[in-house]
Each structure stands twice: as C-alpha cells, then as structure tokens.
Amino acid sequence: MAYAYDDQNIFAKILRGEIPNKTVLETEHSLAFLDIYPQAPIHILVIPKGAYVCFDHFAQEASDAEIIDYTRAVGEVCKMQGVEEGGWRLIANAGEAAIQDVPHLHVHILAGRPLGPMLPKV
C-alpha cells in the first residue's frame, strides 16, 4: 500500500518547531511529549521524526536505525515515568476505522490509574 504523508499535520508542525510542546524525551529519530488532552495521569505521545503515516508504514519503510531508536525511546519514556510497577497501556491507532486523528505515526503511553478494558466486551 502506498502512503501519502500530509506535512501539514499537527505533529509535523511540532517537529518543525511551529507548535510548542512539552517534551519528555528527544532522540535522534524520535520525540516524546505530553498529550494536551490527557486521558490518564500519565499520557505521553511518542512520534518518529520521519514522515510515516502509521505503524505499518513505519515498519515497512523506516531504516533500522529509526526503528531501533523509536522502540528504545518508548522504553526509555516508560522507565522515566516509572510505569513498570503499576502497569501501562500502549496504543497506536491506524486509519479511519481506528479513529487515527493525526496522520503521523504516534503511540500513546497511558498509565497512572486503572485503565479498564480496551474495548467493551460483546
């Protein structure tokens, strides 16, 4: 599948310094920052600096260095926040049906309270 990246999305603007953020961690290939509408006491977004729409786009086209850096950035943020002890959730939405609001790969790290089930049981 071909991916069309929109360089006017909010995360691209954050990466260019056009919109401020509250940075938690910055590495060569990744940026982690506080979510402006937190859904839990700890709610941090981690994005790659490259122009990737979603996780499968990233997995297929990112360099090994980008993939390693991004994976380790997520781990480092979790360590910095001390979420290992109480539990945490990692969410990455992809596409319209999953309600991906920003077409730039991002994961949500959520922790600090009981998070309940992922989806209602049917």
PDB file of N, CA and C in Angstrom:
ATOM      1  N   MET A   1       0.826  -1.182   0.000  1.00  0.00           N
ATOM      2  CA  MET A   1       0.000   0.000   0.000  1.00  0.00           C
ATOM      3  C   MET A   1       0.875   1.252   0.000  1.00  0.00           C
ATOM      4  N   ALA A   2       0.527   2.207  -0.820  1.00  0.00           N
ATOM      5  CA  ALA A   2       1.266   3.473  -0.869  1.00  0.00           C
ATOM      6  C   ALA A   2       0.695   4.420   0.192  1.00  0.00           C
ATOM      7  N   TYR A   3       1.556   5.130   0.863  1.00  0.00           N
ATOM      8  CA  TYR A   3       1.131   6.063   1.901  1.00  0.00           C
ATOM      9  C   TYR A   3       1.425   7.483   1.453  1.00  0.00           C
ATOM     10  N   ALA A   4       0.453   8.362   1.615  1.00  0.00           N
ATOM     11  CA  ALA A   4       0.621   9.777   1.301  1.00  0.00           C
ATOM     12  C   ALA A   4       0.711  10.530   2.619  1.00  0.00           C
ATOM     13  N   TYR A   5       1.840  11.124   2.886  1.00  0.00           N
ATOM     14  CA  TYR A   5       2.063  11.842   4.136  1.00  0.00           C
ATOM     15  C   TYR A   5       1.682  13.309   3.967  1.00  0.00           C
ATOM     16  N   ASP A   6       0.883  13.811   4.894  1.00  0.00           N
ATOM     17  CA  ASP A   6       0.473  15.219   4.895  1.00  0.00           C
ATOM     18  C   ASP A   6       1.410  15.997   5.810  1.00  0.00           C
ATOM     19  N   ASP A   7       2.293  16.798   5.224  1.00  0.00           N
ATOM     20  CA  ASP A   7       3.283  17.511   6.038  1.00  0.00           C
ATOM     21  C   ASP A   7       2.705  18.721   6.771  1.00  0.00           C
ATOM     22  N   GLN A   8       1.381  18.904   6.698  1.00  0.00           N
ATOM     23  CA  GLN A   8       0.726  19.981   7.442  1.00  0.00           C
ATOM     24  C   GLN A   8       0.015  19.470   8.700  1.00  0.00           C
ATOM     25  N   ASN A   9       0.198  18.168   9.013  1.00  0.00           N
ATOM     26  CA  ASN A   9      -0.436  17.646  10.225  1.00  0.00           C
ATOM     27  C   ASN A   9       0.235  18.252  11.460  1.00  0.00           C
ATOM     28  N   ILE A  10      -0.479  18.219  12.575  1.00  0.00           N
ATOM     29  CA  ILE A  10      -0.007  18.892  13.791  1.00  0.00           C
ATOM     30  C   ILE A  10       1.344  18.364  14.282  1.00  0.00           C
ATOM     31  N   PHE A  11       1.606  17.061  14.121  1.00  0.00           N
ATOM     32  CA  PHE A  11       2.883  16.525  14.598  1.00  0.00           C
ATOM     33  C   PHE A  11       4.038  16.969  13.708  1.00  0.00           C
ATOM     34  N   ALA A  12       3.793  17.089  12.415  1.00  0.00           N
ATOM     35  CA  ALA A  12       4.829  17.628  11.518  1.00  0.00           C
ATOM     36  C   ALA A  12       5.153  19.065  11.921  1.00  0.00           C
ATOM     37  N   LYS A  13       4.129  19.821  12.271  1.00  0.00           N
ATOM     38  CA  LYS A  13       4.337  21.208  12.707  1.00  0.00           C
ATOM     39  C   LYS A  13       5.096  21.264  14.029  1.00  0.00           C
ATOM     40  N   ILE A  14       4.810  20.334  14.933  1.00  0.00           N
ATOM     41  CA  ILE A  14       5.560  20.261  16.188  1.00  0.00           C
ATOM     42  C   ILE A  14       7.022  19.956  15.897  1.00  0.00           C
ATOM     43  N   LEU A  15       7.276  18.998  15.018  1.00  0.00           N
ATOM     44  CA  LEU A  15       8.653  18.632  14.681  1.00  0.00           C
ATOM     45  C   LEU A  15       9.409  19.796  14.037  1.00  0.00           C
ATOM     46  N   ARG A  16       8.711  20.645  13.291  1.00  0.00           N
ATOM     47  CA  ARG A  16       9.357  21.813  12.670  1.00  0.00           C
ATOM     48  C   ARG A  16       9.481  22.990  13.635  1.00  0.00           C
ATOM     49  N   GLY A  17       8.938  22.863  14.851  1.00  0.00           N
ATOM     50  CA  GLY A  17       9.011  23.928  15.835  1.00  0.00           C
ATOM     51  C   GLY A  17       7.960  25.005  15.646  1.00  0.00           C
ATOM     52  N   GLU A  18       6.952  24.749  14.820  1.00  0.00           N
ATOM     53  CA  GLU A  18       5.895  25.730  14.578  1.00  0.00           C
ATOM     54  C   GLU A  18       4.850  25.733  15.690  1.00  0.00           C
ATOM     55  N   ILE A  19       4.726  24.618  16.405  1.00  0.00           N
ATOM     56  CA  ILE A  19       3.793  24.489  17.511  1.00  0.00           C
ATOM     57  C   ILE A  19       4.597  23.991  18.715  1.00  0.00           C
ATOM     58  N   PRO A  20       4.453  24.647  19.868  1.00  0.00           N
ATOM     59  CA  PRO A  20       5.220  24.201  21.043  1.00  0.00           C
ATOM     60  C   PRO A  20       4.669  22.896  21.611  1.00  0.00           C
ATOM     61  N   ASN A  21       5.505  22.239  22.374  1.00  0.00           N
ATOM     62  CA  ASN A  21       5.104  21.011  23.064  1.00  0.00           C
ATOM     63  C   ASN A  21       5.860  20.930  24.374  1.00  0.00           C
ATOM     64  N   LYS A  22       5.416  20.029  25.225  1.00  0.00           N
ATOM     65  CA  LYS A  22       6.118  19.785  26.489  1.00  0.00           C
ATOM     66  C   LYS A  22       6.894  18.484  26.320  1.00  0.00           C
ATOM     67  N   THR A  23       8.125  18.623  25.881  1.00  0.00           N
ATOM     68  CA  THR A  23       8.974  17.479  25.563  1.00  0.00           C
ATOM     69  C   THR A  23       9.326  16.694  26.817  1.00  0.00           C
ATOM     70  N   VAL A  24       9.194  15.374  26.701  1.00  0.00           N
ATOM     71  CA  VAL A  24       9.594  14.450  27.755  1.00  0.00           C
ATOM     72  C   VAL A  24      10.944  13.838  27.401  1.00  0.00           C
ATOM     73  N   LEU A  25      11.140  13.536  26.110  1.00  0.00           N
ATOM     74  CA  LEU A  25      12.377  12.919  25.632  1.00  0.00           C
ATOM     75  C   LEU A  25      12.534  13.237  24.152  1.00  0.00           C
ATOM     76  N   GLU A  26      13.749  13.573  23.752  1.00  0.00           N
ATOM     77  CA  GLU A  26      14.047  13.739  22.333  1.00  0.00           C
ATOM     78  C   GLU A  26      15.319  12.972  22.021  1.00  0.00           C
ATOM     79  N   THR A  27      15.272  12.184  20.954  1.00  0.00           N
ATOM     80  CA  THR A  27      16.426  11.426  20.488  1.00  0.00           C
ATOM     81  C   THR A  27      16.683  11.805  19.031  1.00  0.00           C
ATOM     82  N   GLU A  28      17.638  11.148  18.424  1.00  0.00           N
ATOM     83  CA  GLU A  28      17.966  11.447  17.031  1.00  0.00           C
ATOM     84  C   GLU A  28      16.764  11.256  16.098  1.00  0.00           C
ATOM     85  N   HIS A  29      15.970  10.218  16.343  1.00  0.00           N
ATOM     86  CA  HIS A  29      14.877   9.875  15.432  1.00  0.00           C
ATOM     87  C   HIS A  29      13.484   9.944  16.049  1.00  0.00           C
ATOM     88  N   SER A  30      13.353  10.343  17.306  1.00  0.00           N
ATOM     89  CA  SER A  30      12.063  10.284  17.990  1.00  0.00           C
ATOM     90  C   SER A  30      11.847  11.495  18.892  1.00  0.00           C
ATOM     91  N   LEU A  31      10.567  11.785  19.144  1.00  0.00           N
ATOM     92  CA  LEU A  31      10.193  12.842  20.065  1.00  0.00           C
ATOM     93  C   LEU A  31       9.037  12.339  20.924  1.00  0.00           C
ATOM     94  N   ALA A  32       9.149  12.518  22.234  1.00  0.00           N
ATOM     95  CA  ALA A  32       8.077  12.162  23.167  1.00  0.00           C
ATOM     96  C   ALA A  32       7.658  13.429  23.891  1.00  0.00           C
ATOM     97  N   PHE A  33       6.338  13.612  24.013  1.00  0.00           N
ATOM     98  CA  PHE A  33       5.834  14.815  24.651  1.00  0.00           C
ATOM     99  C   PHE A  33       4.481  14.545  25.302  1.00  0.00           C
ATOM    100  N   LEU A  34       4.104  15.422  26.239  1.00  0.00           N
ATOM    101  CA  LEU A  34       2.838  15.271  26.952  1.00  0.00           C
ATOM    102  C   LEU A  34       1.672  15.513  26.007  1.00  0.00           C
ATOM    103  N   ASP A  35       0.627  14.692  26.142  1.00  0.00           N
ATOM    104  CA  ASP A  35      -0.597  14.888  25.371  1.00  0.00           C
ATOM    105  C   ASP A  35      -1.318  16.112  25.932  1.00  0.00           C
ATOM    106  N   ILE A  36      -1.841  16.968  25.063  1.00  0.00           N
ATOM    107  CA  ILE A  36      -2.510  18.179  25.541  1.00  0.00           C
ATOM    108  C   ILE A  36      -3.916  17.894  26.083  1.00  0.00           C
ATOM    109  N   TYR A  37      -4.461  16.719  25.773  1.00  0.00           N
ATOM    110  CA  TYR A  37      -5.758  16.299  26.311  1.00  0.00           C
ATOM    111  C   TYR A  37      -5.590  14.942  26.991  1.00  0.00           C
ATOM    112  N   PRO A  38      -4.888  14.898  28.127  1.00  0.00           N
ATOM    113  CA  PRO A  38      -4.561  13.610  28.751  1.00  0.00           C
ATOM    114  C   PRO A  38      -5.795  12.820  29.165  1.00  0.00           C
ATOM    115  N   GLN A  39      -5.736  11.523  28.912  1.00  0.00           N
ATOM    116  CA  GLN A  39      -6.803  10.598  29.280  1.00  0.00           C
ATOM    117  C   GLN A  39      -6.444   9.784  30.518  1.00  0.00           C
ATOM    118  N   ALA A  40      -5.266  10.017  31.059  1.00  0.00           N
ATOM    119  CA  ALA A  40      -4.786   9.346  32.271  1.00  0.00           C
ATOM    120  C   ALA A  40      -3.754  10.267  32.909  1.00  0.00           C
ATOM    121  N   PRO A  41      -3.420  10.048  34.186  1.00  0.00           N
ATOM    122  CA  PRO A  41      -2.414  10.898  34.829  1.00  0.00           C
ATOM    123  C   PRO A  41      -1.087  10.945  34.061  1.00  0.00           C
ATOM    124  N   ILE A  42      -0.721   9.831  33.458  1.00  0.00           N
ATOM    125  CA  ILE A  42       0.439   9.803  32.558  1.00  0.00           C
ATOM    126  C   ILE A  42      -0.105   9.546  31.163  1.00  0.00           C
ATOM    127  N   HIS A  43       0.087  10.492  30.267  1.00  0.00           N
ATOM    128  CA  HIS A  43      -0.349  10.339  28.876  1.00  0.00           C
ATOM    129  C   HIS A  43       0.672  11.048  28.000  1.00  0.00           C
ATOM    130  N   ILE A  44       1.537  10.241  27.423  1.00  0.00           N
ATOM    131  CA  ILE A  44       2.649  10.749  26.626  1.00  0.00           C
ATOM    132  C   ILE A  44       2.547  10.187  25.213  1.00  0.00           C
ATOM    133  N   LEU A  45       2.781  11.041  24.235  1.00  0.00           N
ATOM    134  CA  LEU A  45       2.828  10.623  22.843  1.00  0.00           C
ATOM    135  C   LEU A  45       4.280  10.461  22.428  1.00  0.00           C
ATOM    136  N   VAL A  46       4.562   9.425  21.652  1.00  0.00           N
ATOM    137  CA  VAL A  46       5.900   9.224  21.104  1.00  0.00           C
ATOM    138  C   VAL A  46       5.742   9.136  19.592  1.00  0.00           C
ATOM    139  N   ILE A  47       6.484   9.993  18.882  1.00  0.00           N
ATOM    140  CA  ILE A  47       6.408  10.035  17.420  1.00  0.00           C
ATOM    141  C   ILE A  47       7.798   9.874  16.826  1.00  0.00           C
ATOM    142  N   PRO A  48       7.873   9.258  15.649  1.00  0.00           N
ATOM    143  CA  PRO A  48       9.150   9.267  14.943  1.00  0.00           C
ATOM    144  C   PRO A  48       9.321  10.634  14.273  1.00  0.00           C
ATOM    145  N   LYS A  49      10.529  11.044  14.039  1.00  0.00           N
ATOM    146  CA  LYS A  49      10.780  12.307  13.352  1.00  0.00           C
ATOM    147  C   LYS A  49      10.595  12.172  11.841  1.00  0.00           C
ATOM    148  N   GLY A  50      10.591  10.953  11.343  1.00  0.00           N
ATOM    149  CA  GLY A  50      10.378  10.722   9.920  1.00  0.00           C
ATOM    150  C   GLY A  50       8.909  10.831   9.555  1.00  0.00           C
ATOM    151  N   ALA A  51       8.646  10.980   8.257  1.00  0.00           N
ATOM    152  CA  ALA A  51       7.292  11.180   7.725  1.00  0.00           C
ATOM    153  C   ALA A  51       6.591   9.846   7.494  1.00  0.00           C
ATOM    154  N   TYR A  52       6.066   9.269   8.569  1.00  0.00           N
ATOM    155  CA  TYR A  52       5.372   7.979   8.497  1.00  0.00           C
ATOM    156  C   TYR A  52       3.932   8.163   8.954  1.00  0.00           C
ATOM    157  N   VAL A  53       2.997   7.631   8.193  1.00  0.00           N
ATOM    158  CA  VAL A  53       1.579   7.808   8.458  1.00  0.00           C
ATOM    159  C   VAL A  53       1.101   6.942   9.620  1.00  0.00           C
ATOM    160  N   CYS A  54       1.533   5.688   9.659  1.00  0.00           N
ATOM    161  CA  CYS A  54       1.046   4.744  10.663  1.00  0.00           C
ATOM    162  C   CYS A  54       2.128   3.688  10.913  1.00  0.00           C
ATOM    163  N   PHE A  55       1.819   2.780  11.829  1.00  0.00           N
ATOM    164  CA  PHE A  55       2.838   1.815  12.245  1.00  0.00           C
ATOM    165  C   PHE A  55       3.290   0.908  11.105  1.00  0.00           C
ATOM    166  N   ASP A  56       2.359   0.417  10.282  1.00  0.00           N
ATOM    167  CA  ASP A  56       2.794  -0.470   9.204  1.00  0.00           C
ATOM    168  C   ASP A  56       3.634   0.279   8.176  1.00  0.00           C
ATOM    169  N   HIS A  57       3.344   1.545   7.922  1.00  0.00           N
ATOM    170  CA  HIS A  57       4.172   2.368   7.039  1.00  0.00           C
ATOM    171  C   HIS A  57       5.590   2.463   7.603  1.00  0.00           C
ATOM    172  N   PHE A  58       5.678   2.752   8.886  1.00  0.00           N
ATOM    173  CA  PHE A  58       6.963   2.843   9.582  1.00  0.00           C
ATOM    174  C   PHE A  58       7.710   1.517   9.526  1.00  0.00           C
ATOM    175  N   ALA A  59       7.023   0.427   9.856  1.00  0.00           N
ATOM    176  CA  ALA A  59       7.656  -0.899   9.893  1.00  0.00           C
ATOM    177  C   ALA A  59       8.200  -1.305   8.522  1.00  0.00           C
ATOM    178  N   GLN A  60       7.517  -0.907   7.465  1.00  0.00           N
ATOM    179  CA  GLN A  60       7.926  -1.284   6.115  1.00  0.00           C
ATOM    180  C   GLN A  60       9.010  -0.385   5.527  1.00  0.00           C
ATOM    181  N   GLU A  61       9.020   0.895   5.910  1.00  0.00           N
ATOM    182  CA  GLU A  61       9.892   1.842   5.204  1.00  0.00           C
ATOM    183  C   GLU A  61      10.950   2.536   6.056  1.00  0.00           C
ATOM    184  N   ALA A  62      10.843   2.488   7.358  1.00  0.00           N
ATOM    185  CA  ALA A  62      11.843   3.152   8.200  1.00  0.00           C
ATOM    186  C   ALA A  62      13.158   2.386   8.169  1.00  0.00           C
ATOM    187  N   SER A  63      14.229   3.109   8.408  1.00  0.00           N
ATOM    188  CA  SER A  63      15.545   2.468   8.488  1.00  0.00           C
ATOM    189  C   SER A  63      15.655   1.683   9.794  1.00  0.00           C
ATOM    190  N   ASP A  64      16.611   0.776   9.834  1.00  0.00           N
ATOM    191  CA  ASP A  64      16.848   0.024  11.069  1.00  0.00           C
ATOM    192  C   ASP A  64      17.155   0.981  12.225  1.00  0.00           C
ATOM    193  N   ALA A  65      17.926   2.034  11.948  1.00  0.00           N
ATOM    194  CA  ALA A  65      18.275   2.990  12.997  1.00  0.00           C
ATOM    195  C   ALA A  65      17.035   3.695  13.541  1.00  0.00           C
ATOM    196  N   GLU A  66      16.101   4.058  12.665  1.00  0.00           N
ATOM    197  CA  GLU A  66      14.868   4.709  13.112  1.00  0.00           C
ATOM    198  C   GLU A  66      14.023   3.762  13.962  1.00  0.00           C
ATOM    199  N   ILE A  67      13.906   2.524  13.524  1.00  0.00           N
ATOM    200  CA  ILE A  67      13.091   1.542  14.240  1.00  0.00           C
ATOM    201  C   ILE A  67      13.671   1.260  15.623  1.00  0.00           C
ATOM    202  N   ILE A  68      14.969   1.077  15.687  1.00  0.00           N
ATOM    203  CA  ILE A  68      15.621   0.826  16.976  1.00  0.00           C
ATOM    204  C   ILE A  68      15.468   2.030  17.890  1.00  0.00           C
ATOM    205  N   ASP A  69      15.719   3.217  17.379  1.00  0.00           N
ATOM    206  CA  ASP A  69      15.624   4.434  18.177  1.00  0.00           C
ATOM    207  C   ASP A  69      14.207   4.624  18.716  1.00  0.00           C
ATOM    208  N   TYR A  70      13.208   4.431  17.861  1.00  0.00           N
ATOM    209  CA  TYR A  70      11.813   4.628  18.265  1.00  0.00           C
ATOM    210  C   TYR A  70      11.408   3.625  19.338  1.00  0.00           C
ATOM    211  N   THR A  71      11.755   2.381  19.128  1.00  0.00           N
ATOM    212  CA  THR A  71      11.429   1.341  20.108  1.00  0.00           C
ATOM    213  C   THR A  71      12.097   1.640  21.455  1.00  0.00           C
ATOM    214  N   ARG A  72      13.344   2.017  21.409  1.00  0.00           N
ATOM    215  CA  ARG A  72      14.058   2.331  22.652  1.00  0.00           C
ATOM    216  C   ARG A  72      13.537   3.611  23.295  1.00  0.00           C
ATOM    217  N   ALA A  73      13.092   4.571  22.495  1.00  0.00           N
ATOM    218  CA  ALA A  73      12.514   5.801  23.050  1.00  0.00           C
ATOM    219  C   ALA A  73      11.255   5.480  23.846  1.00  0.00           C
ATOM    220  N   VAL A  74      10.399   4.613  23.308  1.00  0.00           N
ATOM    221  CA  VAL A  74       9.194   4.200  24.049  1.00  0.00           C
ATOM    222  C   VAL A  74       9.605   3.564  25.378  1.00  0.00           C
ATOM    223  N   GLY A  75      10.573   2.662  25.338  1.00  0.00           N
ATOM    224  CA  GLY A  75      11.050   2.012  26.556  1.00  0.00           C
ATOM    225  C   GLY A  75      11.642   2.998  27.544  1.00  0.00           C
ATOM    226  N   GLU A  76      12.388   3.961  27.055  1.00  0.00           N
ATOM    227  CA  GLU A  76      13.010   4.950  27.940  1.00  0.00           C
ATOM    228  C   GLU A  76      11.952   5.838  28.600  1.00  0.00           C
ATOM    229  N   VAL A  77      10.938   6.235  27.849  1.00  0.00           N
ATOM    230  CA  VAL A  77       9.866   7.038  28.437  1.00  0.00           C
ATOM    231  C   VAL A  77       9.175   6.246  29.547  1.00  0.00           C
ATOM    232  N   CYS A  78       8.895   4.981  29.298  1.00  0.00           N
ATOM    233  CA  CYS A  78       8.262   4.143  30.329  1.00  0.00           C
ATOM    234  C   CYS A  78       9.139   4.062  31.566  1.00  0.00           C
ATOM    235  N   LYS A  79      10.424   3.899  31.374  1.00  0.00           N
ATOM    236  CA  LYS A  79      11.364   3.842  32.504  1.00  0.00           C
ATOM    237  C   LYS A  79      11.382   5.174  33.250  1.00  0.00           C
ATOM    238  N   MET A  80      11.454   6.274  32.510  1.00  0.00           N
ATOM    239  CA  MET A  80      11.481   7.611  33.122  1.00  0.00           C
ATOM    240  C   MET A  80      10.233   7.878  33.958  1.00  0.00           C
ATOM    241  N   GLN A  81       9.102   7.385  33.497  1.00  0.00           N
ATOM    242  CA  GLN A  81       7.824   7.621  34.174  1.00  0.00           C
ATOM    243  C   GLN A  81       7.551   6.609  35.276  1.00  0.00           C
ATOM    244  N   GLY A  82       8.351   5.548  35.350  1.00  0.00           N
ATOM    245  CA  GLY A  82       8.179   4.529  36.391  1.00  0.00           C
ATOM    246  C   GLY A  82       6.905   3.720  36.247  1.00  0.00           C
ATOM    247  N   VAL A  83       6.456   3.504  35.016  1.00  0.00           N
ATOM    248  CA  VAL A  83       5.170   2.829  34.812  1.00  0.00           C
ATOM    249  C   VAL A  83       5.239   1.313  34.945  1.00  0.00           C
ATOM    250  N   GLU A  84       6.433   0.747  34.992  1.00  0.00           N
ATOM    251  CA  GLU A  84       6.559  -0.713  35.052  1.00  0.00           C
ATOM    252  C   GLU A  84       5.823  -1.299  36.251  1.00  0.00           C
ATOM    253  N   GLU A  85       5.839  -0.587  37.363  1.00  0.00           N
ATOM    254  CA  GLU A  85       5.281  -1.117  38.605  1.00  0.00           C
ATOM    255  C   GLU A  85       3.760  -1.181  38.616  1.00  0.00           C
ATOM    256  N   GLY A  86       3.082  -0.163  38.112  1.00  0.00           N
ATOM    257  CA  GLY A  86       1.629  -0.125  38.199  1.00  0.00           C
ATOM    258  C   GLY A  86       0.905  -0.609  36.959  1.00  0.00           C
ATOM    259  N   GLY A  87       1.640  -0.810  35.889  1.00  0.00           N
ATOM    260  CA  GLY A  87       1.028  -1.204  34.630  1.00  0.00           C
ATOM    261  C   GLY A  87       0.779  -0.006  33.734  1.00  0.00           C
ATOM    262  N   TRP A  88       0.721  -0.257  32.455  1.00  0.00           N
ATOM    263  CA  TRP A  88       0.550   0.818  31.494  1.00  0.00           C
ATOM    264  C   TRP A  88      -0.018   0.260  30.198  1.00  0.00           C
ATOM    265  N   ARG A  89      -0.438   1.150  29.324  1.00  0.00           N
ATOM    266  CA  ARG A  89      -1.016   0.747  28.037  1.00  0.00           C
ATOM    267  C   ARG A  89      -0.321   1.528  26.931  1.00  0.00           C
ATOM    268  N   LEU A  90      -0.077   0.828  25.828  1.00  0.00           N
ATOM    269  CA  LEU A  90       0.497   1.433  24.626  1.00  0.00           C
ATOM    270  C   LEU A  90      -0.536   1.287  23.519  1.00  0.00           C
ATOM    271  N   ILE A  91      -0.937   2.411  22.925  1.00  0.00           N
ATOM    272  CA  ILE A  91      -1.958   2.394  21.872  1.00  0.00           C
ATOM    273  C   ILE A  91      -1.412   3.090  20.633  1.00  0.00           C
ATOM    274  N   ALA A  92      -1.626   2.458  19.486  1.00  0.00           N
ATOM    275  CA  ALA A  92      -1.331   3.075  18.193  1.00  0.00           C
ATOM    276  C   ALA A  92      -2.534   2.846  17.286  1.00  0.00           C
ATOM    277  N   ASN A  93      -3.238   3.904  16.948  1.00  0.00           N
ATOM    278  CA  ASN A  93      -4.368   3.810  16.040  1.00  0.00           C
ATOM    279  C   ASN A  93      -3.874   3.964  14.605  1.00  0.00           C
ATOM    280  N   ALA A  94      -4.520   3.282  13.683  1.00  0.00           N
ATOM    281  CA  ALA A  94      -4.134   3.380  12.273  1.00  0.00           C
ATOM    282  C   ALA A  94      -5.381   3.419  11.407  1.00  0.00           C
ATOM    283  N   GLY A  95      -5.567   4.510  10.722  1.00  0.00           N
ATOM    284  CA  GLY A  95      -6.659   4.622   9.773  1.00  0.00           C
ATOM    285  C   GLY A  95      -7.951   5.148  10.360  1.00  0.00           C
ATOM    286  N   GLU A  96      -8.888   5.373   9.452  1.00  0.00           N
ATOM    287  CA  GLU A  96     -10.164   5.980   9.781  1.00  0.00           C
ATOM    288  C   GLU A  96     -10.997   5.146  10.751  1.00  0.00           C
ATOM    289  N   ALA A  97     -11.077   3.849  10.531  1.00  0.00           N
ATOM    290  CA  ALA A  97     -11.906   2.990  11.382  1.00  0.00           C
ATOM    291  C   ALA A  97     -11.386   2.939  12.817  1.00  0.00           C
ATOM    292  N   ALA A  98     -10.082   3.148  12.997  1.00  0.00           N
ATOM    293  CA  ALA A  98      -9.489   3.158  14.335  1.00  0.00           C
ATOM    294  C   ALA A  98      -9.463   4.569  14.939  1.00  0.00           C
ATOM    295  N   ILE A  99     -10.002   5.508  14.194  1.00  0.00           N
ATOM    296  CA  ILE A  99     -10.070   6.905  14.607  1.00  0.00           C
ATOM    297  C   ILE A  99      -8.669   7.480  14.871  1.00  0.00           C
ATOM    298  N   GLN A 100      -7.803   7.325  13.871  1.00  0.00           N
ATOM    299  CA  GLN A 100      -6.483   7.948  13.929  1.00  0.00           C
ATOM    300  C   GLN A 100      -6.670   9.427  13.618  1.00  0.00           C
ATOM    301  N   ASP A 101      -6.545  10.270  14.631  1.00  0.00           N
ATOM    302  CA  ASP A 101      -6.806  11.700  14.464  1.00  0.00           C
ATOM    303  C   ASP A 101      -5.708  12.439  13.712  1.00  0.00           C
ATOM    304  N   VAL A 102      -4.476  12.025  13.900  1.00  0.00           N
ATOM    305  CA  VAL A 102      -3.351  12.696  13.244  1.00  0.00           C
ATOM    306  C   VAL A 102      -2.647  11.691  12.341  1.00  0.00           C
ATOM    307  N   PRO A 103      -2.519  11.986  11.050  1.00  0.00           N
ATOM    308  CA  PRO A 103      -1.910  11.040  10.118  1.00  0.00           C
ATOM    309  C   PRO A 103      -0.377  11.053  10.166  1.00  0.00           C
ATOM    310  N   HIS A 104       0.151  10.888  11.350  1.00  0.00           N
ATOM    311  CA  HIS A 104       1.587  10.740  11.595  1.00  0.00           C
ATOM    312  C   HIS A 104       1.683   9.668  12.669  1.00  0.00           C
ATOM    313  N   LEU A 105       2.488   8.634  12.440  1.00  0.00           N
ATOM    314  CA  LEU A 105       2.601   7.567  13.436  1.00  0.00           C
ATOM    315  C   LEU A 105       2.830   8.154  14.816  1.00  0.00           C
ATOM    316  N   HIS A 106       2.058   7.683  15.764  1.00  0.00           N
ATOM    317  CA  HIS A 106       2.260   8.046  17.164  1.00  0.00           C
ATOM    318  C   HIS A 106       1.694   6.943  18.037  1.00  0.00           C
ATOM    319  N   VAL A 107       2.346   6.744  19.158  1.00  0.00           N
ATOM    320  CA  VAL A 107       1.812   5.841  20.170  1.00  0.00           C
ATOM    321  C   VAL A 107       1.494   6.662  21.402  1.00  0.00           C
ATOM    322  N   HIS A 108       0.462   6.213  22.093  1.00  0.00           N
ATOM    323  CA  HIS A 108       0.069   6.807  23.362  1.00  0.00           C
ATOM    324  C   HIS A 108       0.574   5.885  24.468  1.00  0.00           C
ATOM    325  N   ILE A 109       1.286   6.431  25.416  1.00  0.00           N
ATOM    326  CA  ILE A 109       1.640   5.711  26.642  1.00  0.00           C
ATOM    327  C   ILE A 109       0.713   6.245  27.713  1.00  0.00           C
ATOM    328  N   LEU A 110      -0.101   5.350  28.274  1.00  0.00           N
ATOM    329  CA  LEU A 110      -1.090   5.729  29.285  1.00  0.00           C
ATOM    330  C   LEU A 110      -0.832   4.945  30.563  1.00  0.00           C
ATOM    331  N   ALA A 111      -0.876   5.638  31.692  1.00  0.00           N
ATOM    332  CA  ALA A 111      -0.645   4.981  32.982  1.00  0.00           C
ATOM    333  C   ALA A 111      -1.087   5.907  34.096  1.00  0.00           C
ATOM    334  N   GLY A 112      -1.013   5.384  35.318  1.00  0.00           N
ATOM    335  CA  GLY A 112      -1.277   6.202  36.490  1.00  0.00           C
ATOM    336  C   GLY A 112      -2.646   6.013  37.108  1.00  0.00           C
ATOM    337  N   ARG A 113      -3.466   5.171  36.500  1.00  0.00           N
ATOM    338  CA  ARG A 113      -4.782   4.840  37.047  1.00  0.00           C
ATOM    339  C   ARG A 113      -5.238   3.547  36.388  1.00  0.00           C
ATOM    340  N   PRO A 114      -6.209   2.838  36.970  1.00  0.00           N
ATOM    341  CA  PRO A 114      -6.759   1.668  36.280  1.00  0.00           C
ATOM    342  C   PRO A 114      -7.378   2.118  34.948  1.00  0.00           C
ATOM    343  N   LEU A 115      -7.033   1.449  33.879  1.00  0.00           N
ATOM    344  CA  LEU A 115      -7.442   1.876  32.550  1.00  0.00           C
ATOM    345  C   LEU A 115      -8.659   1.144  32.012  1.00  0.00           C
ATOM    346  N   GLY A 116      -9.093   0.092  32.680  1.00  0.00           N
ATOM    347  CA  GLY A 116     -10.273  -0.629  32.220  1.00  0.00           C
ATOM    348  C   GLY A 116      -9.969  -1.446  30.974  1.00  0.00           C
ATOM    349  N   PRO A 117     -11.002  -2.096  30.444  1.00  0.00           N
ATOM    350  CA  PRO A 117     -10.785  -2.927  29.253  1.00  0.00           C
ATOM    351  C   PRO A 117     -10.527  -2.060  28.026  1.00  0.00           C
ATOM    352  N   MET A 118      -9.830  -2.628  27.066  1.00  0.00           N
ATOM    353  CA  MET A 118      -9.543  -1.909  25.813  1.00  0.00           C
ATOM    354  C   MET A 118     -10.817  -1.565  25.062  1.00  0.00           C
ATOM    355  N   LEU A 119     -11.665  -2.562  24.878  1.00  0.00           N
ATOM    356  CA  LEU A 119     -12.936  -2.388  24.176  1.00  0.00           C
ATOM    357  C   LEU A 119     -14.024  -3.058  25.002  1.00  0.00           C
ATOM    358  N   PRO A 120     -15.240  -2.568  24.888  1.00  0.00           N
ATOM    359  CA  PRO A 120     -16.317  -3.235  25.625  1.00  0.00           C
ATOM    360  C   PRO A 120     -16.470  -4.680  25.160  1.00  0.00           C
ATOM    361  N   LYS A 121     -16.743  -5.563  26.100  1.00  0.00           N
ATOM    362  CA  LYS A 121     -16.973  -6.963  25.746  1.00  0.00           C
ATOM    363  C   LYS A 121     -18.335  -7.092  25.110  1.00  0.00           C
ATOM    364  N   VAL A 122     -18.399  -7.827  24.007  1.00  0.00           N
ATOM    365  CA  VAL A 122     -19.687  -8.010  23.322  1.00  0.00           C
ATOM    366  C   VAL A 122     -20.213  -9.411  23.476  1.00  0.00           C
TER     367      VAL A 122
END
